């Protein structure tokens, strides 16, 4: 799915200042505050925006960072990933080859680093590993490159399969929903309607003193 210029501007602005208010973000993008709020909610729901994190300078905190390269056997990749993920010291972890992993590790001091490497030595899945201690951080930016024509992969809200072409976008209850085809759209509308109708019934049951109106008694709601 290709993002439009408004989404791209929102992402560019948030990358520069993740603490910006929706009001200021609206001014920066030239749209209304409700539009910005809705766009950010949609980008978050799609998984493109994963969160807003505090960025600390580890060098000012006198912590030590190392870059590791680890090799293992093909059958041990998933097992090694699971074990490395369990370490708080492993801050970033990448698979860069079929059997090679790279990790960014941070420890409190040299003694902590020695203990960490001692724990690595106990992992049987590691065939070999090499590391380099970071002495100075020259450049550190978010890995995402925001650009015009940016495309993101979206999963169909009904069948959960990746949408290859442009999605079918429908709006329900003020939110955008993405489907891969007309068939999934029809099935999703039916499912959404049943869920919504069930929620309405539950709400009515929770307030027995409030009599249902004529529409509740005799008609179902269409959500188009």
N, C-alpha and C. Protein backbone atom coordinates (compact mmCIF):
# COMPACT_ATOMS: atom_id res chain seq x y z
N UNK A 1 0.84 -1.19 0.00
CA UNK A 1 0.00 0.00 0.00
C UNK A 1 0.88 1.24 0.00
N UNK A 2 0.60 2.16 -0.91
CA UNK A 2 1.41 3.37 -1.00
C UNK A 2 0.82 4.46 -0.09
N UNK A 3 1.66 5.03 0.75
CA UNK A 3 1.22 6.09 1.64
C UNK A 3 1.08 7.40 0.88
N UNK A 4 0.10 8.21 1.27
CA UNK A 4 -0.06 9.50 0.61
C UNK A 4 0.84 10.54 1.28
N UNK A 5 0.83 11.73 0.71
CA UNK A 5 1.74 12.78 1.19
C UNK A 5 1.48 13.19 2.63
N UNK A 6 0.22 13.10 3.07
CA UNK A 6 -0.10 13.46 4.46
C UNK A 6 0.53 12.48 5.42
N UNK A 7 0.38 11.18 5.14
CA UNK A 7 1.00 10.16 6.00
C UNK A 7 2.52 10.32 6.04
N UNK A 8 3.11 10.58 4.88
CA UNK A 8 4.56 10.73 4.80
C UNK A 8 5.03 11.92 5.62
N UNK A 9 4.30 13.04 5.52
CA UNK A 9 4.67 14.23 6.29
C UNK A 9 4.51 13.98 7.79
N UNK A 10 3.48 13.26 8.17
CA UNK A 10 3.28 12.92 9.58
C UNK A 10 4.46 12.09 10.09
N UNK A 11 4.87 11.10 9.33
CA UNK A 11 5.98 10.24 9.75
C UNK A 11 7.29 11.02 9.82
N UNK A 12 7.54 11.86 8.82
CA UNK A 12 8.76 12.67 8.82
C UNK A 12 8.82 13.57 10.06
N UNK A 13 7.70 14.18 10.39
CA UNK A 13 7.65 15.09 11.53
C UNK A 13 7.82 14.34 12.84
N UNK A 14 7.19 13.19 12.96
CA UNK A 14 7.31 12.40 14.19
C UNK A 14 8.73 11.86 14.37
N UNK A 15 9.41 11.56 13.27
CA UNK A 15 10.79 11.10 13.39
C UNK A 15 11.69 12.21 13.93
N UNK A 16 11.38 13.44 13.56
CA UNK A 16 12.17 14.57 14.04
C UNK A 16 11.85 14.90 15.50
N UNK A 17 10.57 14.75 15.88
CA UNK A 17 10.16 15.07 17.24
C UNK A 17 8.99 14.18 17.63
N UNK A 18 9.29 13.10 18.33
CA UNK A 18 8.25 12.16 18.73
C UNK A 18 7.34 12.70 19.82
N UNK A 19 7.73 13.84 20.44
CA UNK A 19 6.92 14.42 21.52
C UNK A 19 5.97 15.51 21.02
N UNK A 20 5.97 15.78 19.74
CA UNK A 20 5.15 16.86 19.21
C UNK A 20 3.67 16.59 19.49
N UNK A 21 2.92 17.63 19.80
CA UNK A 21 1.49 17.48 20.07
C UNK A 21 0.73 17.32 18.76
N UNK A 22 -0.47 16.76 18.84
CA UNK A 22 -1.29 16.62 17.64
C UNK A 22 -1.63 17.98 17.04
N UNK A 23 -1.81 19.00 17.88
CA UNK A 23 -2.10 20.33 17.36
C UNK A 23 -0.94 20.86 16.51
N UNK A 24 0.29 20.71 17.03
CA UNK A 24 1.46 21.18 16.28
C UNK A 24 1.71 20.29 15.07
N UNK A 25 1.42 19.01 15.20
CA UNK A 25 1.58 18.10 14.07
C UNK A 25 0.60 18.46 12.96
N UNK A 26 -0.60 18.86 13.34
CA UNK A 26 -1.59 19.28 12.35
C UNK A 26 -1.11 20.53 11.61
N UNK A 27 -0.54 21.48 12.33
CA UNK A 27 -0.02 22.70 11.70
C UNK A 27 1.12 22.36 10.74
N UNK A 28 1.98 21.43 11.14
CA UNK A 28 3.13 21.07 10.31
C UNK A 28 2.72 20.35 9.03
N UNK A 29 1.60 19.64 9.09
CA UNK A 29 1.17 18.85 7.93
C UNK A 29 0.07 19.53 7.13
N UNK A 30 -0.50 20.60 7.68
CA UNK A 30 -1.52 21.33 6.95
C UNK A 30 -2.89 20.69 6.94
N UNK A 31 -3.18 19.84 7.93
CA UNK A 31 -4.50 19.23 8.04
C UNK A 31 -5.05 19.49 9.44
N UNK A 32 -6.28 19.06 9.68
CA UNK A 32 -6.91 19.30 10.97
C UNK A 32 -6.36 18.35 12.04
N UNK A 33 -6.54 18.74 13.29
CA UNK A 33 -6.08 17.89 14.40
C UNK A 33 -6.80 16.54 14.43
N UNK A 34 -8.13 16.47 14.23
CA UNK A 34 -8.79 15.16 14.17
C UNK A 34 -8.25 14.27 13.05
N UNK A 35 -7.89 14.88 11.91
CA UNK A 35 -7.32 14.10 10.81
C UNK A 35 -5.98 13.51 11.22
N UNK A 36 -5.14 14.31 11.86
CA UNK A 36 -3.84 13.82 12.34
C UNK A 36 -4.03 12.69 13.34
N UNK A 37 -4.95 12.89 14.27
CA UNK A 37 -5.20 11.86 15.29
C UNK A 37 -5.65 10.55 14.65
N UNK A 38 -6.55 10.66 13.66
CA UNK A 38 -7.04 9.47 12.97
C UNK A 38 -5.93 8.80 12.16
N UNK A 39 -5.10 9.59 11.48
CA UNK A 39 -4.01 9.03 10.67
C UNK A 39 -3.00 8.31 11.55
N UNK A 40 -2.61 8.94 12.67
CA UNK A 40 -1.64 8.32 13.57
C UNK A 40 -2.21 7.03 14.15
N UNK A 41 -3.50 7.03 14.50
CA UNK A 41 -4.14 5.82 15.02
C UNK A 41 -4.12 4.70 13.99
N UNK A 42 -4.39 5.04 12.73
CA UNK A 42 -4.38 4.03 11.67
C UNK A 42 -2.98 3.49 11.43
N UNK A 43 -1.98 4.37 11.37
CA UNK A 43 -0.60 3.93 11.16
C UNK A 43 -0.11 3.08 12.31
N UNK A 44 -0.60 3.37 13.51
CA UNK A 44 -0.24 2.56 14.68
C UNK A 44 -0.91 1.20 14.62
N UNK A 45 -2.19 1.19 14.25
CA UNK A 45 -2.94 -0.07 14.16
C UNK A 45 -2.35 -0.97 13.08
N UNK A 46 -1.87 -0.37 12.00
CA UNK A 46 -1.25 -1.16 10.92
C UNK A 46 0.10 -1.73 11.34
N UNK A 47 0.65 -1.22 12.45
CA UNK A 47 1.94 -1.71 12.92
C UNK A 47 3.12 -0.92 12.39
N UNK A 48 2.86 0.09 11.57
CA UNK A 48 3.95 0.88 11.02
C UNK A 48 4.59 1.73 12.12
N UNK A 49 3.76 2.38 12.92
CA UNK A 49 4.27 3.08 14.12
C UNK A 49 4.23 2.10 15.27
N UNK A 50 5.40 1.72 15.76
CA UNK A 50 5.47 0.73 16.83
C UNK A 50 5.47 1.35 18.22
N UNK A 51 5.73 2.65 18.29
CA UNK A 51 5.72 3.31 19.59
C UNK A 51 6.58 4.56 19.57
N UNK A 52 6.59 5.25 20.70
CA UNK A 52 7.38 6.46 20.86
C UNK A 52 8.31 6.22 22.05
N UNK A 53 9.60 6.10 21.77
CA UNK A 53 10.54 5.67 22.78
C UNK A 53 11.49 6.79 23.19
N UNK A 54 11.93 6.70 24.44
CA UNK A 54 12.92 7.64 24.95
C UNK A 54 14.29 7.27 24.40
N UNK A 55 15.02 8.25 23.89
CA UNK A 55 16.34 8.03 23.29
C UNK A 55 17.41 8.56 24.25
N UNK A 56 18.13 7.66 24.90
CA UNK A 56 19.15 8.04 25.88
C UNK A 56 20.55 7.89 25.30
N UNK A 57 21.46 8.72 25.76
CA UNK A 57 22.86 8.66 25.33
C UNK A 57 23.61 7.71 26.27
N UNK A 58 23.91 6.50 25.79
CA UNK A 58 24.58 5.51 26.63
C UNK A 58 26.00 5.93 26.99
N UNK A 59 26.63 6.73 26.13
CA UNK A 59 28.00 7.16 26.42
C UNK A 59 28.03 8.13 27.61
N UNK A 60 27.03 9.00 27.70
CA UNK A 60 26.95 9.89 28.86
C UNK A 60 26.66 9.10 30.14
N UNK A 61 26.05 7.94 29.98
CA UNK A 61 25.75 7.08 31.13
C UNK A 61 26.92 6.15 31.45
N UNK A 62 28.02 6.28 30.67
CA UNK A 62 29.23 5.47 30.86
C UNK A 62 28.97 3.97 30.69
N UNK A 63 28.00 3.64 29.86
CA UNK A 63 27.76 2.24 29.55
C UNK A 63 28.63 1.81 28.36
N UNK A 64 28.79 0.52 28.19
CA UNK A 64 29.66 -0.01 27.14
C UNK A 64 28.80 -0.73 26.11
N UNK A 65 29.06 -0.44 24.84
CA UNK A 65 28.33 -1.08 23.74
C UNK A 65 29.29 -1.88 22.89
N UNK A 66 28.86 -3.05 22.48
CA UNK A 66 29.67 -3.91 21.61
C UNK A 66 28.80 -4.42 20.46
N UNK A 67 29.44 -4.64 19.31
CA UNK A 67 28.77 -5.22 18.16
C UNK A 67 29.27 -6.66 18.00
N UNK A 68 28.34 -7.61 18.00
CA UNK A 68 28.69 -9.03 17.93
C UNK A 68 28.29 -9.63 16.58
N UNK A 69 29.12 -10.54 16.10
CA UNK A 69 28.76 -11.39 14.97
C UNK A 69 28.85 -12.83 15.45
N UNK A 70 27.75 -13.57 15.28
CA UNK A 70 27.69 -14.94 15.79
C UNK A 70 27.34 -15.89 14.66
N UNK A 71 28.00 -17.05 14.63
CA UNK A 71 27.72 -18.08 13.64
C UNK A 71 27.20 -19.33 14.33
N UNK A 72 26.28 -20.00 13.66
CA UNK A 72 25.73 -21.24 14.20
C UNK A 72 25.36 -22.17 13.05
N UNK A 73 24.92 -23.37 13.38
CA UNK A 73 24.48 -24.32 12.37
C UNK A 73 23.06 -23.96 11.90
N UNK A 74 22.72 -24.31 10.65
CA UNK A 74 21.38 -23.96 10.13
C UNK A 74 20.24 -24.43 11.02
N UNK A 75 20.37 -25.60 11.61
CA UNK A 75 19.29 -26.14 12.44
C UNK A 75 19.18 -25.44 13.79
N UNK A 76 20.18 -24.62 14.13
CA UNK A 76 20.19 -23.99 15.46
C UNK A 76 19.83 -22.50 15.44
N UNK A 77 19.49 -21.97 14.25
CA UNK A 77 19.25 -20.52 14.14
C UNK A 77 18.12 -20.08 15.07
N UNK A 78 16.97 -20.73 14.97
CA UNK A 78 15.81 -20.31 15.77
C UNK A 78 16.08 -20.47 17.26
N UNK A 79 16.75 -21.55 17.63
CA UNK A 79 17.07 -21.77 19.04
C UNK A 79 18.02 -20.72 19.58
N UNK A 80 19.01 -20.33 18.76
CA UNK A 80 19.96 -19.32 19.19
C UNK A 80 19.27 -17.96 19.30
N UNK A 81 18.39 -17.65 18.36
CA UNK A 81 17.66 -16.39 18.43
C UNK A 81 16.88 -16.30 19.73
N UNK A 82 16.19 -17.37 20.08
CA UNK A 82 15.38 -17.38 21.30
C UNK A 82 16.23 -17.14 22.54
N UNK A 83 17.42 -17.73 22.57
CA UNK A 83 18.29 -17.57 23.74
C UNK A 83 18.87 -16.15 23.82
N UNK A 84 19.25 -15.60 22.67
CA UNK A 84 19.81 -14.25 22.66
C UNK A 84 18.75 -13.21 23.02
N UNK A 85 17.53 -13.44 22.56
CA UNK A 85 16.44 -12.50 22.87
C UNK A 85 16.20 -12.40 24.37
N UNK A 86 16.52 -13.44 25.11
CA UNK A 86 16.26 -13.47 26.55
C UNK A 86 17.24 -12.59 27.33
N UNK A 87 18.34 -12.18 26.72
CA UNK A 87 19.32 -11.34 27.41
C UNK A 87 18.88 -9.88 27.36
N UNK A 88 18.81 -9.23 28.51
CA UNK A 88 18.52 -7.79 28.53
C UNK A 88 19.64 -7.01 27.86
N UNK A 89 20.87 -7.53 27.92
CA UNK A 89 22.01 -6.83 27.33
C UNK A 89 21.93 -6.75 25.81
N UNK A 90 21.24 -7.69 25.19
CA UNK A 90 21.09 -7.67 23.73
C UNK A 90 20.00 -6.67 23.37
N UNK A 91 20.41 -5.52 22.83
CA UNK A 91 19.46 -4.45 22.54
C UNK A 91 18.90 -4.52 21.12
N UNK A 92 19.69 -5.03 20.20
CA UNK A 92 19.24 -5.23 18.82
C UNK A 92 19.80 -6.54 18.32
N UNK A 93 19.00 -7.24 17.51
CA UNK A 93 19.42 -8.55 17.01
C UNK A 93 18.95 -8.70 15.57
N UNK A 94 19.88 -9.10 14.68
CA UNK A 94 19.57 -9.22 13.26
C UNK A 94 20.08 -10.57 12.74
N UNK A 95 19.34 -11.15 11.81
CA UNK A 95 19.83 -12.28 11.02
C UNK A 95 20.35 -11.69 9.73
N UNK A 96 21.65 -11.81 9.47
CA UNK A 96 22.26 -11.18 8.30
C UNK A 96 22.64 -12.20 7.24
N UNK A 97 22.57 -13.46 7.57
CA UNK A 97 22.87 -14.53 6.64
C UNK A 97 22.09 -15.74 7.12
N UNK A 98 22.13 -16.81 6.38
CA UNK A 98 21.37 -17.98 6.79
C UNK A 98 21.73 -18.48 8.18
N UNK A 99 23.02 -18.42 8.51
CA UNK A 99 23.46 -18.94 9.80
C UNK A 99 24.26 -17.90 10.58
N UNK A 100 24.15 -16.66 10.23
CA UNK A 100 24.93 -15.61 10.91
C UNK A 100 23.99 -14.56 11.51
N UNK A 101 24.28 -14.21 12.76
CA UNK A 101 23.50 -13.19 13.44
C UNK A 101 24.41 -12.04 13.86
N UNK A 102 23.84 -10.86 13.92
CA UNK A 102 24.56 -9.70 14.46
C UNK A 102 23.74 -9.10 15.58
N UNK A 103 24.43 -8.66 16.63
CA UNK A 103 23.73 -8.11 17.79
C UNK A 103 24.45 -6.88 18.30
N UNK A 104 23.65 -5.94 18.80
CA UNK A 104 24.20 -4.79 19.51
C UNK A 104 23.96 -5.04 21.00
N UNK A 105 25.03 -5.02 21.75
CA UNK A 105 24.97 -5.37 23.17
C UNK A 105 25.41 -4.18 24.01
N UNK A 106 24.72 -3.91 25.10
CA UNK A 106 25.10 -2.85 26.02
C UNK A 106 25.20 -3.41 27.43
N UNK A 107 26.31 -3.07 28.11
CA UNK A 107 26.50 -3.50 29.50
C UNK A 107 26.84 -2.28 30.36
N UNK A 108 26.73 -2.45 31.66
CA UNK A 108 26.95 -1.34 32.58
C UNK A 108 28.42 -0.95 32.69
N UNK A 109 29.31 -1.96 32.63
CA UNK A 109 30.73 -1.70 32.76
C UNK A 109 31.50 -2.91 32.24
N UNK A 110 32.83 -2.91 32.39
CA UNK A 110 33.65 -4.01 31.86
C UNK A 110 33.35 -5.32 32.56
N UNK A 111 33.17 -5.29 33.88
CA UNK A 111 32.86 -6.52 34.61
C UNK A 111 31.55 -7.14 34.11
N UNK A 112 30.58 -6.29 33.86
CA UNK A 112 29.30 -6.76 33.34
C UNK A 112 29.50 -7.39 31.96
N UNK A 113 30.35 -6.78 31.12
CA UNK A 113 30.62 -7.32 29.79
C UNK A 113 31.28 -8.69 29.89
N UNK A 114 32.22 -8.85 30.82
CA UNK A 114 32.90 -10.13 31.02
C UNK A 114 31.88 -11.20 31.42
N UNK A 115 30.96 -10.86 32.32
CA UNK A 115 29.94 -11.82 32.74
C UNK A 115 29.03 -12.19 31.57
N UNK A 116 28.73 -11.22 30.72
CA UNK A 116 27.87 -11.50 29.58
C UNK A 116 28.55 -12.48 28.62
N UNK A 117 29.84 -12.25 28.33
CA UNK A 117 30.55 -13.16 27.44
C UNK A 117 30.71 -14.54 28.07
N UNK A 118 30.78 -14.59 29.38
CA UNK A 118 30.81 -15.88 30.05
C UNK A 118 29.51 -16.63 29.84
N UNK A 119 28.40 -15.92 29.86
CA UNK A 119 27.11 -16.56 29.61
C UNK A 119 27.01 -17.02 28.16
N UNK A 120 27.57 -16.23 27.23
CA UNK A 120 27.57 -16.64 25.82
C UNK A 120 28.33 -17.95 25.63
N UNK A 121 29.42 -18.10 26.37
CA UNK A 121 30.25 -19.30 26.23
C UNK A 121 29.49 -20.57 26.61
N UNK A 122 28.40 -20.42 27.36
CA UNK A 122 27.61 -21.57 27.77
C UNK A 122 26.57 -21.99 26.75
N UNK A 123 26.40 -21.19 25.70
CA UNK A 123 25.38 -21.49 24.68
C UNK A 123 25.99 -22.42 23.64
N UNK A 124 25.52 -23.65 23.60
CA UNK A 124 26.10 -24.67 22.72
C UNK A 124 25.84 -24.38 21.25
N UNK A 125 24.77 -23.66 20.95
CA UNK A 125 24.42 -23.40 19.54
C UNK A 125 25.39 -22.46 18.84
N UNK A 126 26.17 -21.70 19.61
CA UNK A 126 27.12 -20.77 19.00
C UNK A 126 28.37 -21.52 18.57
N UNK A 127 28.68 -21.48 17.28
CA UNK A 127 29.89 -22.13 16.76
C UNK A 127 31.09 -21.21 16.97
N UNK A 128 30.95 -19.98 16.50
CA UNK A 128 31.99 -18.97 16.73
C UNK A 128 31.32 -17.61 16.91
N UNK A 129 32.03 -16.68 17.56
CA UNK A 129 31.53 -15.31 17.61
C UNK A 129 32.71 -14.35 17.68
N UNK A 130 32.48 -13.16 17.17
CA UNK A 130 33.47 -12.09 17.20
C UNK A 130 32.77 -10.84 17.70
N UNK A 131 33.54 -9.94 18.31
CA UNK A 131 32.91 -8.71 18.79
C UNK A 131 33.87 -7.53 18.67
N UNK A 132 33.29 -6.36 18.59
CA UNK A 132 34.03 -5.11 18.55
C UNK A 132 33.39 -4.15 19.55
N UNK A 133 34.19 -3.59 20.43
CA UNK A 133 33.68 -2.63 21.39
C UNK A 133 33.58 -1.26 20.74
N UNK A 134 32.43 -0.61 20.90
CA UNK A 134 32.22 0.72 20.34
C UNK A 134 32.95 1.74 21.21
N UNK A 135 33.87 2.49 20.60
CA UNK A 135 34.61 3.51 21.35
C UNK A 135 34.00 4.90 21.20
N UNK A 136 33.26 5.10 20.08
CA UNK A 136 32.62 6.40 19.87
C UNK A 136 31.49 6.25 18.86
N UNK A 137 30.35 6.80 19.18
CA UNK A 137 29.22 6.78 18.26
C UNK A 137 29.28 8.04 17.40
N UNK A 138 29.45 7.86 16.10
CA UNK A 138 29.58 8.99 15.19
C UNK A 138 28.22 9.41 14.63
N UNK A 139 27.40 8.44 14.28
CA UNK A 139 26.08 8.74 13.71
C UNK A 139 25.10 7.66 14.13
N UNK A 140 23.94 8.09 14.55
CA UNK A 140 22.91 7.13 14.98
C UNK A 140 21.54 7.72 14.68
N UNK A 141 20.87 7.16 13.69
CA UNK A 141 19.56 7.63 13.27
C UNK A 141 18.59 6.46 13.19
N UNK A 142 17.28 6.73 13.22
CA UNK A 142 16.31 5.65 13.00
C UNK A 142 16.56 4.99 11.65
N UNK A 143 16.35 3.67 11.58
CA UNK A 143 16.67 2.95 10.35
C UNK A 143 15.71 3.26 9.22
N UNK A 144 14.53 3.77 9.51
CA UNK A 144 13.52 4.01 8.48
C UNK A 144 13.86 5.23 7.64
N UNK A 145 13.74 5.07 6.33
CA UNK A 145 13.90 6.19 5.39
C UNK A 145 12.52 6.55 4.85
N UNK A 146 12.04 7.74 5.20
CA UNK A 146 10.73 8.18 4.75
C UNK A 146 10.89 8.92 3.43
N UNK A 147 10.13 8.53 2.43
CA UNK A 147 10.28 9.14 1.11
C UNK A 147 8.95 9.11 0.37
N UNK A 148 8.84 9.94 -0.65
CA UNK A 148 7.62 9.99 -1.46
C UNK A 148 7.43 8.66 -2.17
N UNK A 149 6.20 8.18 -2.18
CA UNK A 149 5.91 6.89 -2.80
C UNK A 149 6.19 5.71 -1.90
N UNK A 150 6.38 5.96 -0.61
CA UNK A 150 6.68 4.89 0.34
C UNK A 150 5.55 3.87 0.36
N UNK A 151 5.90 2.60 0.24
CA UNK A 151 4.91 1.52 0.27
C UNK A 151 5.11 0.66 1.51
N UNK A 152 4.01 0.27 2.12
CA UNK A 152 4.06 -0.59 3.30
C UNK A 152 3.21 -1.83 3.04
N UNK A 153 3.58 -2.92 3.68
CA UNK A 153 2.84 -4.16 3.57
C UNK A 153 1.74 -4.18 4.61
N UNK A 154 0.51 -4.40 4.15
CA UNK A 154 -0.65 -4.44 5.03
C UNK A 154 -1.29 -5.82 4.94
N UNK A 155 -1.67 -6.38 6.07
CA UNK A 155 -2.39 -7.66 6.08
C UNK A 155 -3.89 -7.41 5.99
N UNK A 156 -4.55 -8.24 5.23
CA UNK A 156 -6.01 -8.15 5.08
C UNK A 156 -6.68 -8.32 6.44
N UNK A 157 -7.63 -7.44 6.75
CA UNK A 157 -8.31 -7.49 8.04
C UNK A 157 -9.19 -8.73 8.18
N UNK A 158 -9.50 -9.39 7.06
CA UNK A 158 -10.35 -10.59 7.14
C UNK A 158 -9.55 -11.88 7.08
N UNK A 159 -8.76 -12.06 6.01
CA UNK A 159 -8.04 -13.33 5.84
C UNK A 159 -6.62 -13.30 6.38
N UNK A 160 -6.13 -12.11 6.76
CA UNK A 160 -4.81 -11.92 7.37
C UNK A 160 -3.65 -12.16 6.41
N UNK A 161 -3.93 -12.32 5.12
CA UNK A 161 -2.85 -12.50 4.15
C UNK A 161 -2.30 -11.13 3.73
N UNK A 162 -0.99 -11.06 3.40
CA UNK A 162 -0.44 -9.78 2.93
C UNK A 162 -1.15 -9.30 1.67
N UNK A 163 -1.44 -8.01 1.64
CA UNK A 163 -2.10 -7.42 0.47
C UNK A 163 -1.02 -7.01 -0.53
N UNK A 164 -1.04 -7.62 -1.70
CA UNK A 164 0.00 -7.40 -2.71
C UNK A 164 -0.24 -6.08 -3.44
N UNK A 165 -1.45 -5.88 -3.94
CA UNK A 165 -1.79 -4.67 -4.67
C UNK A 165 -2.38 -3.64 -3.71
N UNK A 166 -2.92 -2.55 -4.26
CA UNK A 166 -3.58 -1.56 -3.43
C UNK A 166 -4.78 -2.19 -2.72
N UNK A 167 -4.94 -1.93 -1.43
CA UNK A 167 -6.03 -2.58 -0.69
C UNK A 167 -7.38 -1.94 -0.97
N UNK A 168 -8.43 -2.70 -0.65
CA UNK A 168 -9.78 -2.14 -0.61
C UNK A 168 -9.93 -1.49 0.76
N UNK A 169 -10.12 -0.17 0.77
CA UNK A 169 -10.21 0.56 2.04
C UNK A 169 -11.65 0.97 2.29
N UNK A 170 -12.17 0.59 3.45
CA UNK A 170 -13.52 0.98 3.84
C UNK A 170 -13.45 1.65 5.21
N UNK A 171 -14.38 2.53 5.46
CA UNK A 171 -14.42 3.24 6.74
C UNK A 171 -15.62 2.77 7.53
N UNK A 172 -15.39 2.33 8.76
CA UNK A 172 -16.45 1.88 9.66
C UNK A 172 -16.24 2.51 11.02
N UNK A 173 -17.27 3.12 11.52
CA UNK A 173 -17.20 3.76 12.84
C UNK A 173 -16.01 4.72 12.94
N UNK A 174 -15.75 5.43 11.83
CA UNK A 174 -14.70 6.43 11.85
C UNK A 174 -13.29 5.90 11.68
N UNK A 175 -13.12 4.60 11.44
CA UNK A 175 -11.80 4.00 11.29
C UNK A 175 -11.66 3.35 9.92
N UNK A 176 -10.44 3.37 9.38
CA UNK A 176 -10.15 2.72 8.11
C UNK A 176 -9.88 1.24 8.32
N UNK A 177 -10.44 0.43 7.43
CA UNK A 177 -10.23 -1.01 7.47
C UNK A 177 -9.75 -1.44 6.08
N UNK A 178 -8.78 -2.36 6.03
CA UNK A 178 -8.13 -2.72 4.76
C UNK A 178 -8.38 -4.19 4.43
N UNK A 179 -8.85 -4.42 3.21
CA UNK A 179 -9.13 -5.77 2.73
C UNK A 179 -8.40 -6.01 1.42
N UNK A 180 -8.15 -7.28 1.11
CA UNK A 180 -7.36 -7.60 -0.08
C UNK A 180 -8.20 -7.70 -1.34
N UNK A 181 -9.51 -7.93 -1.20
CA UNK A 181 -10.34 -8.10 -2.39
C UNK A 181 -11.80 -7.87 -2.03
N UNK A 182 -12.67 -7.87 -3.06
CA UNK A 182 -14.09 -7.65 -2.84
C UNK A 182 -14.74 -8.74 -2.02
N UNK A 183 -14.29 -9.99 -2.20
CA UNK A 183 -14.87 -11.09 -1.44
C UNK A 183 -14.61 -10.94 0.05
N UNK A 184 -13.36 -10.61 0.38
CA UNK A 184 -13.02 -10.41 1.79
C UNK A 184 -13.76 -9.19 2.35
N UNK A 185 -13.97 -8.18 1.51
CA UNK A 185 -14.71 -7.00 1.97
C UNK A 185 -16.13 -7.38 2.37
N UNK A 186 -16.80 -8.18 1.52
CA UNK A 186 -18.18 -8.58 1.82
C UNK A 186 -18.25 -9.42 3.08
N UNK A 187 -17.33 -10.39 3.20
CA UNK A 187 -17.32 -11.25 4.38
C UNK A 187 -16.98 -10.47 5.64
N UNK A 188 -16.07 -9.49 5.49
CA UNK A 188 -15.68 -8.69 6.64
C UNK A 188 -16.82 -7.79 7.10
N UNK A 189 -17.56 -7.22 6.15
CA UNK A 189 -18.70 -6.39 6.52
C UNK A 189 -19.74 -7.21 7.29
N UNK A 190 -19.99 -8.45 6.82
CA UNK A 190 -20.94 -9.31 7.52
C UNK A 190 -20.46 -9.63 8.93
N UNK A 191 -19.18 -9.99 9.05
CA UNK A 191 -18.62 -10.33 10.36
C UNK A 191 -18.64 -9.12 11.28
N UNK A 192 -18.25 -7.96 10.76
CA UNK A 192 -18.21 -6.73 11.55
C UNK A 192 -19.62 -6.37 12.03
N UNK A 193 -20.60 -6.56 11.13
CA UNK A 193 -21.98 -6.26 11.49
C UNK A 193 -22.48 -7.16 12.60
N UNK A 194 -22.15 -8.46 12.52
CA UNK A 194 -22.58 -9.39 13.57
C UNK A 194 -21.96 -9.04 14.91
N UNK A 195 -20.65 -8.70 14.88
CA UNK A 195 -19.96 -8.34 16.12
C UNK A 195 -20.56 -7.07 16.71
N UNK A 196 -20.80 -6.09 15.85
CA UNK A 196 -21.37 -4.82 16.32
C UNK A 196 -22.77 -5.03 16.86
N UNK A 197 -23.54 -5.85 16.18
CA UNK A 197 -24.91 -6.11 16.64
C UNK A 197 -24.89 -6.81 17.99
N UNK A 198 -23.94 -7.75 18.16
CA UNK A 198 -23.82 -8.43 19.45
C UNK A 198 -23.43 -7.49 20.56
N UNK A 199 -22.55 -6.52 20.23
CA UNK A 199 -22.14 -5.53 21.23
C UNK A 199 -23.30 -4.65 21.61
N UNK A 200 -24.15 -4.30 20.63
CA UNK A 200 -25.32 -3.47 20.91
C UNK A 200 -26.29 -4.21 21.82
N UNK A 201 -26.46 -5.53 21.58
CA UNK A 201 -27.36 -6.33 22.41
C UNK A 201 -26.85 -6.41 23.83
N UNK A 202 -25.51 -6.65 23.97
CA UNK A 202 -24.91 -6.72 25.30
C UNK A 202 -25.09 -5.41 26.04
N UNK A 203 -24.96 -4.29 25.32
CA UNK A 203 -25.11 -2.98 25.94
C UNK A 203 -26.54 -2.78 26.42
N UNK A 204 -27.51 -3.24 25.63
CA UNK A 204 -28.91 -3.10 26.02
C UNK A 204 -29.22 -3.95 27.24
N UNK A 205 -28.63 -5.16 27.29
CA UNK A 205 -28.85 -6.05 28.43
C UNK A 205 -28.24 -5.49 29.70
N UNK A 206 -27.17 -4.73 29.54
CA UNK A 206 -26.50 -4.17 30.71
C UNK A 206 -27.29 -3.00 31.29
N UNK A 207 -28.30 -2.49 30.54
CA UNK A 207 -29.12 -1.37 31.01
C UNK A 207 -30.59 -1.77 30.84
N UNK A 208 -31.09 -2.71 31.67
CA UNK A 208 -32.45 -3.22 31.50
C UNK A 208 -33.51 -2.16 31.75
N UNK A 209 -33.20 -1.10 32.48
CA UNK A 209 -34.19 -0.07 32.75
C UNK A 209 -34.42 0.84 31.55
N UNK A 210 -33.52 0.72 30.55
CA UNK A 210 -33.64 1.55 29.36
C UNK A 210 -34.32 0.74 28.27
N UNK A 211 -35.57 1.02 27.92
CA UNK A 211 -36.27 0.21 26.92
C UNK A 211 -35.66 0.38 25.55
N UNK A 212 -35.53 -0.72 24.76
CA UNK A 212 -34.99 -0.59 23.40
C UNK A 212 -35.94 0.19 22.54
N UNK A 213 -35.38 0.96 21.58
CA UNK A 213 -36.24 1.71 20.69
C UNK A 213 -36.73 0.81 19.57
N UNK A 214 -37.54 1.37 18.70
CA UNK A 214 -38.16 0.58 17.63
C UNK A 214 -37.13 -0.03 16.72
N UNK A 215 -36.07 0.70 16.45
CA UNK A 215 -35.03 0.19 15.54
C UNK A 215 -34.34 -1.01 16.16
N UNK A 216 -34.05 -0.94 17.48
CA UNK A 216 -33.41 -2.06 18.15
C UNK A 216 -34.30 -3.30 18.12
N UNK A 217 -35.61 -3.11 18.23
CA UNK A 217 -36.52 -4.23 18.30
C UNK A 217 -36.70 -4.92 16.97
N UNK A 218 -36.75 -4.15 15.89
CA UNK A 218 -37.17 -4.77 14.65
C UNK A 218 -36.21 -4.74 13.50
N UNK A 219 -35.10 -4.06 13.63
CA UNK A 219 -34.23 -3.89 12.47
C UNK A 219 -32.78 -4.10 12.88
N UNK A 220 -32.04 -4.70 11.99
CA UNK A 220 -30.59 -4.80 12.16
C UNK A 220 -29.94 -3.60 11.47
N UNK A 221 -28.68 -3.35 11.79
CA UNK A 221 -27.98 -2.20 11.21
C UNK A 221 -27.10 -2.64 10.07
N UNK A 222 -27.12 -1.89 8.99
CA UNK A 222 -26.16 -2.12 7.90
C UNK A 222 -24.99 -1.21 8.13
N UNK A 223 -23.76 -1.72 7.92
CA UNK A 223 -22.54 -0.92 8.09
C UNK A 223 -21.84 -0.84 6.76
N UNK A 224 -22.04 0.23 6.08
CA UNK A 224 -21.40 0.41 4.77
C UNK A 224 -20.52 1.64 4.81
